[in-house]
Amino acid sequence: MTAVVDAVRYNPVALTMFGAGLIVLAVTGAALARVLWTSGIRIGAVLGFGVLYLPQSFRPPWVRIAHGLILGVGLVLVAFQMPRKTAG
């Protein structure tokens, strides 16, 4: 079973598409962090972008869990720091 999993996971086409998608996510995260930083939401920008998607993908489970926790904290901070808009 693990041979089939490795054959699917390390397929050159699948790996290329997966890598391209993660690069797009990293670029999007950098753009979002830049916008947050310039709007004054600095802590959320640092935490949200400080842990990139690309390096954690092929790491052990504990790294992926830590990545999710740090990213979650960053996103919660962004949510609380966003200016509240009232309905008109």
C-alpha atoms as a PDB file:
ATOM      1  CA  MET A   1       0.000   0.000   0.000  1.00  0.00           C
ATOM      2  CA  THR A   2       2.809   2.436   0.803  1.00  0.00           C
ATOM      3  CA  ALA A   3       4.316   1.837  -2.638  1.00  0.00           C
ATOM      4  CA  VAL A   4       1.066   2.987  -4.233  1.00  0.00           C
ATOM      5  CA  VAL A   5       0.926   6.027  -1.955  1.00  0.00           C
ATOM      6  CA  ASP A   6       4.508   6.971  -2.840  1.00  0.00           C
ATOM      7  CA  ALA A   7       3.821   6.464  -6.552  1.00  0.00           C
ATOM      8  CA  VAL A   8       0.854   8.822  -6.383  1.00  0.00           C
ATOM      9  CA  ARG A   9       2.450  11.363  -4.063  1.00  0.00           C
ATOM     10  CA  TYR A  10       5.738  11.636  -5.951  1.00  0.00           C
ATOM     11  CA  ASN A  11       4.269  11.541  -9.446  1.00  0.00           C
ATOM     12  CA  PRO A  12       6.106  14.283 -11.401  1.00  0.00           C
ATOM     13  CA  VAL A  13       2.919  15.879 -12.754  1.00  0.00           C
ATOM     14  CA  ALA A  14       1.156  15.831  -9.385  1.00  0.00           C
ATOM     15  CA  LEU A  15       4.247  17.096  -7.596  1.00  0.00           C
ATOM     16  CA  THR A  16       4.653  19.939 -10.109  1.00  0.00           C
ATOM     17  CA  MET A  17       1.018  21.002  -9.766  1.00  0.00           C
ATOM     18  CA  PHE A  18       1.192  20.769  -5.973  1.00  0.00           C
ATOM     19  CA  GLY A  19       4.402  22.812  -5.894  1.00  0.00           C
ATOM     20  CA  ALA A  20       2.974  25.441  -8.265  1.00  0.00           C
ATOM     21  CA  GLY A  21      -0.126  25.766  -6.103  1.00  0.00           C
ATOM     22  CA  LEU A  22       1.961  26.209  -2.969  1.00  0.00           C
ATOM     23  CA  ILE A  23       4.088  28.858  -4.669  1.00  0.00           C
ATOM     24  CA  VAL A  24       0.915  30.731  -5.625  1.00  0.00           C
ATOM     25  CA  LEU A  25      -0.265  30.493  -1.998  1.00  0.00           C
ATOM     26  CA  ALA A  26       3.096  31.824  -0.761  1.00  0.00           C
ATOM     27  CA  VAL A  27       2.961  34.771  -3.183  1.00  0.00           C
ATOM     28  CA  THR A  28      -0.614  35.502  -2.139  1.00  0.00           C
ATOM     29  CA  GLY A  29       0.396  35.310   1.526  1.00  0.00           C
ATOM     30  CA  ALA A  30       3.238  37.765   0.914  1.00  0.00           C
ATOM     31  CA  ALA A  31       0.863  40.181  -0.823  1.00  0.00           C
ATOM     32  CA  LEU A  32      -1.648  39.872   2.013  1.00  0.00           C
ATOM     33  CA  ALA A  33       1.055  40.390   4.647  1.00  0.00           C
ATOM     34  CA  ARG A  34       2.218  43.517   2.804  1.00  0.00           C
ATOM     35  CA  VAL A  35      -1.302  44.947   2.724  1.00  0.00           C
ATOM     36  CA  LEU A  36      -1.844  44.132   6.400  1.00  0.00           C
ATOM     37  CA  TRP A  37       1.518  45.629   7.343  1.00  0.00           C
ATOM     38  CA  THR A  38       0.835  48.900   5.520  1.00  0.00           C
ATOM     39  CA  SER A  39      -2.635  49.137   7.072  1.00  0.00           C
ATOM     40  CA  GLY A  40      -1.208  48.898  10.584  1.00  0.00           C
ATOM     41  CA  ILE A  41      -2.098  45.288  11.393  1.00  0.00           C
ATOM     42  CA  ARG A  42       1.494  44.299  12.016  1.00  0.00           C
ATOM     43  CA  ILE A  43       1.252  41.421  14.500  1.00  0.00           C
ATOM     44  CA  GLY A  44      -1.252  39.494  12.420  1.00  0.00           C
ATOM     45  CA  ALA A  45       0.789  40.110   9.283  1.00  0.00           C
ATOM     46  CA  VAL A  46       3.947  38.763  10.868  1.00  0.00           C
ATOM     47  CA  LEU A  47       2.259  35.676  12.314  1.00  0.00           C
ATOM     48  CA  GLY A  48       0.134  35.021   9.256  1.00  0.00           C
ATOM     49  CA  PHE A  49       3.024  35.250   6.823  1.00  0.00           C
ATOM     50  CA  GLY A  50       5.786  34.150   9.187  1.00  0.00           C
ATOM     51  CA  VAL A  51       4.952  30.519   8.568  1.00  0.00           C
ATOM     52  CA  LEU A  52       4.968  29.822   4.858  1.00  0.00           C
ATOM     53  CA  TYR A  53       3.017  26.994   3.296  1.00  0.00           C
ATOM     54  CA  LEU A  54       5.861  25.717   1.141  1.00  0.00           C
ATOM     55  CA  PRO A  55       8.372  24.503   3.767  1.00  0.00           C
ATOM     56  CA  GLN A  56       5.866  22.650   5.933  1.00  0.00           C
ATOM     57  CA  SER A  57       4.330  20.417   3.298  1.00  0.00           C
ATOM     58  CA  PHE A  58       6.865  17.596   3.361  1.00  0.00           C
ATOM     59  CA  ARG A  59       7.700  17.829   7.048  1.00  0.00           C
ATOM     60  CA  PRO A  60       6.663  15.563   9.938  1.00  0.00           C
ATOM     61  CA  PRO A  61       3.144  15.877  11.337  1.00  0.00           C
ATOM     62  CA  TRP A  62       4.198  17.955  14.356  1.00  0.00           C
ATOM     63  CA  VAL A  63       5.573  20.677  12.042  1.00  0.00           C
ATOM     64  CA  ARG A  64       2.288  20.809  10.126  1.00  0.00           C
ATOM     65  CA  ILE A  65       0.334  20.990  13.379  1.00  0.00           C
ATOM     66  CA  ALA A  66       2.533  23.800  14.715  1.00  0.00           C
ATOM     67  CA  HIS A  67       2.156  25.598  11.385  1.00  0.00           C
ATOM     68  CA  GLY A  68      -1.627  25.380  11.626  1.00  0.00           C
ATOM     69  CA  LEU A  69      -1.652  26.656  15.200  1.00  0.00           C
ATOM     70  CA  ILE A  70       0.603  29.634  14.446  1.00  0.00           C
ATOM     71  CA  LEU A  71      -1.331  30.462  11.296  1.00  0.00           C
ATOM     72  CA  GLY A  72      -4.597  30.207  13.235  1.00  0.00           C
ATOM     73  CA  VAL A  73      -3.338  32.591  15.926  1.00  0.00           C
ATOM     74  CA  GLY A  74      -2.232  35.027  13.224  1.00  0.00           C
ATOM     75  CA  LEU A  75      -5.592  34.922  11.491  1.00  0.00           C
ATOM     76  CA  VAL A  76      -7.488  35.418  14.753  1.00  0.00           C
ATOM     77  CA  LEU A  77      -5.297  38.442  15.511  1.00  0.00           C
ATOM     78  CA  VAL A  78      -6.020  39.834  12.052  1.00  0.00           C
ATOM     79  CA  ALA A  79      -9.741  39.334  12.614  1.00  0.00           C
ATOM     80  CA  PHE A  80      -9.651  41.218  15.923  1.00  0.00           C
ATOM     81  CA  GLN A  81      -7.481  44.023  14.561  1.00  0.00           C
ATOM     82  CA  MET A  82      -9.551  44.682  11.461  1.00  0.00           C
ATOM     83  CA  PRO A  83     -11.553  47.886  11.724  1.00  0.00           C
ATOM     84  CA  ARG A  84     -15.175  47.193  12.439  1.00  0.00           C
ATOM     85  CA  LYS A  85     -17.604  48.618   9.916  1.00  0.00           C
ATOM     86  CA  THR A  86     -21.167  49.296  10.919  1.00  0.00           C
ATOM     87  CA  ALA A  87     -24.075  48.810   8.570  1.00  0.00           C
ATOM     88  CA  GLY A  88     -25.091  52.122   7.050  1.00  0.00           C
END
